[in-house]
Amino acid sequence: MKKLEQIIANNARASNSGRRVGLRGGRARIMLLTLTTLLVLFVFYTQPPVQAAIGALLDKLPRP
C-alpha cells in the first residue's frame, strides 16, 4: 500500500502546484479587456450615423 499512497500523494501535489497558464494573469486580463474595448469602439465609430452625431457635437464646441 505504501507505493499506492506515494502515487496518490504525488498526483495530488502535481495537480495543485501547477501554475495557471493562459489568460488568467492580471496583466493578460487587462490587455484583453483593453483590446476588446478598442475593437468595439472602432467598430462603433465607423458607423456613419455615429460619425455624423459626433461630428455635430464637435461642431458645437467653441473654437479658440
Protein backbone atom coordinates (compact mmCIF):
# COMPACT_ATOMS: atom_id res chain seq x y z
CA MET A 1 0.00 0.00 0.00
CA LYS A 2 2.91 2.32 0.55
CA LYS A 3 3.65 2.61 -3.17
CA LEU A 4 -0.02 3.37 -3.92
CA GLU A 5 -0.07 6.07 -1.23
CA GLN A 6 3.04 7.68 -2.73
CA ILE A 7 1.47 7.74 -6.20
CA ILE A 8 -1.73 9.31 -4.87
CA ALA A 9 0.23 11.89 -2.86
CA ASN A 10 2.42 12.81 -5.84
CA ASN A 11 -0.54 13.18 -8.18
CA ALA A 12 -2.42 15.37 -5.73
CA ARG A 13 0.60 17.63 -5.31
CA ALA A 14 1.26 17.83 -9.03
CA SER A 15 -2.28 18.86 -9.86
CA ASN A 16 -2.39 21.55 -7.16
CA SER A 17 1.05 23.03 -7.67
CA GLY A 18 0.82 23.69 -11.41
CA ARG A 19 0.97 27.32 -12.43
CA ARG A 20 -2.00 28.69 -14.23
CA VAL A 21 -1.22 29.50 -17.80
CA GLY A 22 -3.13 31.31 -20.46
CA LEU A 23 -5.24 34.41 -19.94
CA ARG A 24 -5.55 34.06 -16.19
CA GLY A 25 -2.89 36.54 -15.16
CA GLY A 26 -3.76 40.08 -14.17
CA ARG A 27 -1.85 41.76 -16.98
CA ALA A 28 -3.29 39.45 -19.59
CA ARG A 29 -6.86 40.17 -18.45
CA ILE A 30 -6.29 43.92 -18.60
CA MET A 31 -4.71 43.61 -22.04
CA LEU A 32 -7.59 41.50 -23.33
CA LEU A 33 -10.14 43.94 -21.92
CA THR A 34 -8.30 46.91 -23.45
CA LEU A 35 -8.05 45.32 -26.87
CA THR A 36 -11.69 44.28 -26.82
CA THR A 37 -12.77 47.79 -25.81
CA LEU A 38 -10.71 49.36 -28.57
CA LEU A 39 -12.17 46.97 -31.12
CA VAL A 40 -15.74 47.72 -30.03
CA LEU A 41 -15.08 51.47 -30.12
CA PHE A 42 -13.53 51.21 -33.58
CA VAL A 43 -16.49 49.25 -34.95
CA PHE A 44 -18.94 51.60 -33.25
CA TYR A 45 -17.21 54.75 -34.52
CA THR A 46 -17.01 53.55 -38.12
CA GLN A 47 -20.81 53.55 -38.43
CA PRO A 48 -21.95 56.60 -40.50
CA PRO A 49 -24.77 57.72 -38.11
CA VAL A 50 -22.34 57.71 -35.21
CA GLN A 51 -19.78 59.71 -37.17
CA ALA A 52 -22.44 62.26 -38.10
CA ALA A 53 -23.62 62.60 -34.48
CA ILE A 54 -20.09 63.02 -33.13
CA GLY A 55 -19.27 65.49 -35.90
CA ALA A 56 -22.34 67.55 -34.99
CA LEU A 57 -21.31 67.58 -31.33
CA LEU A 58 -17.77 68.64 -32.21
CA ASP A 59 -19.07 71.48 -34.39
CA LYS A 60 -20.91 72.93 -31.40
CA LEU A 61 -17.71 73.25 -29.38
CA PRO A 62 -16.28 76.77 -29.27
CA ARG A 63 -13.06 77.23 -31.21
CA PRO A 64 -10.27 79.47 -29.92
